[in-house]
Amino acid sequence: MTQKDVSHRIWAVEAARYLRVSRSTLAKWRMNGEGPPYHRMGPRLVYYYQNEIDAWLANCDVRKAAAPKA
């Protein structure tokens, strides 16, 4: 990660708000190996990088997976 990427670090509560899900949903995603990539600072502090969340969201776009109508 570059210094510019570090400036876009957001805590789990902010990531949940950005994704419009509850903090518990975000925690369940982490436990199940789902959701955007996350990082830990110690045993309890979880944070995300904004660009990784955006990339994860782009890969979740259902419209890209749909077959074109004939």
N, C-alpha and C. Protein backbone atom coordinates (compact mmCIF):
# COMPACT_ATOMS: atom_id res chain seq x y z
N MET A 1 0.84 -1.19 0.00
CA MET A 1 0.00 0.00 0.00
C MET A 1 0.88 1.24 0.00
N THR A 2 0.49 2.20 -0.73
CA THR A 2 1.23 3.45 -0.75
C THR A 2 0.70 4.37 0.34
N GLN A 3 1.41 5.46 0.57
CA GLN A 3 0.97 6.42 1.58
C GLN A 3 -0.40 6.99 1.23
N LYS A 4 -0.67 7.18 -0.06
CA LYS A 4 -1.97 7.71 -0.48
C LYS A 4 -3.10 6.74 -0.09
N ASP A 5 -2.87 5.43 -0.26
CA ASP A 5 -3.88 4.44 0.10
C ASP A 5 -4.18 4.45 1.59
N VAL A 6 -3.15 4.64 2.40
CA VAL A 6 -3.33 4.64 3.85
C VAL A 6 -4.26 5.76 4.28
N SER A 7 -4.26 6.88 3.57
CA SER A 7 -5.12 8.00 3.95
C SER A 7 -6.60 7.66 3.75
N HIS A 8 -6.89 6.60 3.00
CA HIS A 8 -8.28 6.21 2.75
C HIS A 8 -8.71 5.04 3.63
N ARG A 9 -8.01 4.85 4.76
CA ARG A 9 -8.37 3.79 5.69
C ARG A 9 -9.62 4.21 6.45
N ILE A 10 -10.58 3.30 6.56
CA ILE A 10 -11.80 3.60 7.33
C ILE A 10 -12.05 2.46 8.31
N TRP A 11 -12.58 2.81 9.46
CA TRP A 11 -12.87 1.83 10.50
C TRP A 11 -14.12 1.04 10.13
N ALA A 12 -14.34 -0.07 10.80
CA ALA A 12 -15.45 -0.97 10.48
C ALA A 12 -16.81 -0.27 10.55
N VAL A 13 -17.01 0.57 11.55
CA VAL A 13 -18.30 1.27 11.67
C VAL A 13 -18.53 2.18 10.47
N GLU A 14 -17.48 2.82 9.97
CA GLU A 14 -17.61 3.68 8.80
C GLU A 14 -17.83 2.84 7.54
N ALA A 15 -17.18 1.70 7.46
CA ALA A 15 -17.37 0.81 6.32
C ALA A 15 -18.80 0.29 6.27
N ALA A 16 -19.35 -0.06 7.42
CA ALA A 16 -20.73 -0.52 7.48
C ALA A 16 -21.68 0.57 7.00
N ARG A 17 -21.44 1.78 7.45
CA ARG A 17 -22.28 2.90 7.03
C ARG A 17 -22.15 3.12 5.52
N TYR A 18 -20.94 3.05 5.00
CA TYR A 18 -20.70 3.24 3.56
C TYR A 18 -21.41 2.17 2.74
N LEU A 19 -21.38 0.93 3.23
CA LEU A 19 -22.01 -0.18 2.52
C LEU A 19 -23.51 -0.29 2.80
N ARG A 20 -23.98 0.50 3.75
CA ARG A 20 -25.39 0.49 4.15
C ARG A 20 -25.83 -0.87 4.68
N VAL A 21 -24.97 -1.43 5.52
CA VAL A 21 -25.29 -2.66 6.23
C VAL A 21 -24.99 -2.43 7.71
N SER A 22 -25.48 -3.30 8.56
CA SER A 22 -25.21 -3.16 9.99
C SER A 22 -23.78 -3.62 10.29
N ARG A 23 -23.30 -3.20 11.45
CA ARG A 23 -21.97 -3.64 11.88
C ARG A 23 -21.94 -5.14 12.08
N SER A 24 -23.06 -5.71 12.54
CA SER A 24 -23.10 -7.16 12.74
C SER A 24 -23.05 -7.92 11.41
N THR A 25 -23.67 -7.37 10.38
CA THR A 25 -23.59 -7.99 9.05
C THR A 25 -22.15 -7.99 8.57
N LEU A 26 -21.48 -6.88 8.74
CA LEU A 26 -20.07 -6.78 8.34
C LEU A 26 -19.23 -7.79 9.12
N ALA A 27 -19.51 -7.95 10.41
CA ALA A 27 -18.78 -8.92 11.24
C ALA A 27 -19.06 -10.35 10.77
N LYS A 28 -20.30 -10.65 10.42
CA LYS A 28 -20.65 -11.98 9.92
C LYS A 28 -19.93 -12.27 8.61
N TRP A 29 -19.87 -11.27 7.74
CA TRP A 29 -19.14 -11.43 6.48
C TRP A 29 -17.68 -11.78 6.76
N ARG A 30 -17.07 -11.09 7.72
CA ARG A 30 -15.67 -11.37 8.06
C ARG A 30 -15.52 -12.80 8.57
N MET A 31 -16.41 -13.22 9.44
CA MET A 31 -16.34 -14.57 10.02
C MET A 31 -16.53 -15.66 8.96
N ASN A 32 -17.33 -15.37 7.94
CA ASN A 32 -17.63 -16.34 6.88
C ASN A 32 -16.70 -16.22 5.68
N GLY A 33 -15.74 -15.31 5.74
CA GLY A 33 -14.83 -15.12 4.61
C GLY A 33 -15.48 -14.43 3.43
N GLU A 34 -16.53 -13.66 3.70
CA GLU A 34 -17.25 -12.93 2.65
C GLU A 34 -16.98 -11.44 2.82
N GLY A 35 -17.55 -10.66 1.95
CA GLY A 35 -17.43 -9.21 2.08
C GLY A 35 -16.10 -8.68 1.58
N PRO A 36 -15.91 -7.38 1.73
CA PRO A 36 -14.68 -6.75 1.25
C PRO A 36 -13.48 -7.16 2.09
N PRO A 37 -12.28 -7.08 1.52
CA PRO A 37 -11.07 -7.39 2.29
C PRO A 37 -10.95 -6.46 3.49
N TYR A 38 -10.47 -7.01 4.60
CA TYR A 38 -10.33 -6.21 5.82
C TYR A 38 -8.95 -6.43 6.42
N HIS A 39 -8.61 -5.59 7.36
CA HIS A 39 -7.31 -5.63 8.03
C HIS A 39 -7.54 -5.47 9.52
N ARG A 40 -6.63 -6.00 10.30
CA ARG A 40 -6.73 -5.90 11.76
C ARG A 40 -5.56 -5.11 12.31
N MET A 41 -5.87 -4.34 13.34
CA MET A 41 -4.86 -3.65 14.10
C MET A 41 -5.05 -4.13 15.54
N GLY A 42 -4.33 -5.17 15.90
CA GLY A 42 -4.55 -5.78 17.20
C GLY A 42 -5.70 -6.77 17.12
N PRO A 43 -6.13 -7.28 18.27
CA PRO A 43 -7.16 -8.32 18.25
C PRO A 43 -8.57 -7.81 17.97
N ARG A 44 -8.84 -6.54 18.17
CA ARG A 44 -10.22 -6.05 18.04
C ARG A 44 -10.44 -5.00 16.97
N LEU A 45 -9.48 -4.18 16.69
CA LEU A 45 -9.68 -3.08 15.74
C LEU A 45 -9.61 -3.59 14.31
N VAL A 46 -10.68 -3.39 13.58
CA VAL A 46 -10.78 -3.81 12.19
C VAL A 46 -10.93 -2.57 11.33
N TYR A 47 -10.19 -2.55 10.23
CA TYR A 47 -10.32 -1.42 9.31
C TYR A 47 -10.30 -1.91 7.87
N TYR A 48 -10.72 -1.04 6.99
CA TYR A 48 -10.82 -1.33 5.57
C TYR A 48 -10.14 -0.20 4.81
N TYR A 49 -9.77 -0.49 3.57
CA TYR A 49 -9.30 0.56 2.67
C TYR A 49 -10.42 0.87 1.68
N GLN A 50 -10.66 2.14 1.50
CA GLN A 50 -11.75 2.60 0.63
C GLN A 50 -11.64 2.00 -0.77
N ASN A 51 -10.44 1.98 -1.33
CA ASN A 51 -10.29 1.46 -2.69
C ASN A 51 -10.58 -0.04 -2.77
N GLU A 52 -10.30 -0.78 -1.70
CA GLU A 52 -10.61 -2.21 -1.69
C GLU A 52 -12.12 -2.45 -1.58
N ILE A 53 -12.81 -1.62 -0.83
CA ILE A 53 -14.27 -1.72 -0.74
C ILE A 53 -14.88 -1.42 -2.10
N ASP A 54 -14.40 -0.37 -2.75
CA ASP A 54 -14.94 0.00 -4.07
C ASP A 54 -14.69 -1.10 -5.10
N ALA A 55 -13.51 -1.72 -5.05
CA ALA A 55 -13.21 -2.82 -5.98
C ALA A 55 -14.11 -4.02 -5.71
N TRP A 56 -14.34 -4.32 -4.44
CA TRP A 56 -15.23 -5.42 -4.08
C TRP A 56 -16.65 -5.14 -4.57
N LEU A 57 -17.11 -3.91 -4.38
CA LEU A 57 -18.45 -3.54 -4.86
C LEU A 57 -18.55 -3.67 -6.37
N ALA A 58 -17.51 -3.28 -7.08
CA ALA A 58 -17.52 -3.37 -8.54
C ALA A 58 -17.64 -4.83 -8.99
N ASN A 59 -17.02 -5.73 -8.25
CA ASN A 59 -17.10 -7.16 -8.59
C ASN A 59 -18.44 -7.77 -8.21
N CYS A 60 -19.19 -7.10 -7.36
CA CYS A 60 -20.51 -7.60 -6.93
C CYS A 60 -21.63 -7.08 -7.83
N ASP A 61 -21.30 -6.32 -8.82
CA ASP A 61 -22.31 -5.70 -9.68
C ASP A 61 -23.04 -6.78 -10.47
N VAL A 62 -24.31 -6.98 -10.18
CA VAL A 62 -25.11 -8.03 -10.82
C VAL A 62 -25.28 -7.76 -12.31
N ARG A 63 -25.35 -6.51 -12.68
CA ARG A 63 -25.57 -6.17 -14.09
C ARG A 63 -24.46 -6.70 -14.98
N LYS A 64 -23.23 -6.81 -14.46
CA LYS A 64 -22.14 -7.34 -15.27
C LYS A 64 -22.30 -8.83 -15.53
N ALA A 65 -22.93 -9.55 -14.61
CA ALA A 65 -23.06 -11.00 -14.73
C ALA A 65 -24.26 -11.41 -15.59
N ALA A 66 -25.21 -10.53 -15.79
CA ALA A 66 -26.42 -10.88 -16.54
C ALA A 66 -26.11 -11.03 -18.03
N ALA A 67 -26.72 -12.04 -18.63
CA ALA A 67 -26.56 -12.25 -20.06
C ALA A 67 -27.39 -11.22 -20.82
N PRO A 68 -26.88 -10.73 -21.94
CA PRO A 68 -27.65 -9.76 -22.72
C PRO A 68 -28.91 -10.39 -23.31
N LYS A 69 -29.97 -9.62 -23.37
CA LYS A 69 -31.23 -10.12 -23.93
C LYS A 69 -31.14 -10.13 -25.45
N ALA A 70 -31.71 -11.17 -26.05
CA ALA A 70 -31.66 -11.31 -27.50
C ALA A 70 -32.79 -10.56 -28.16
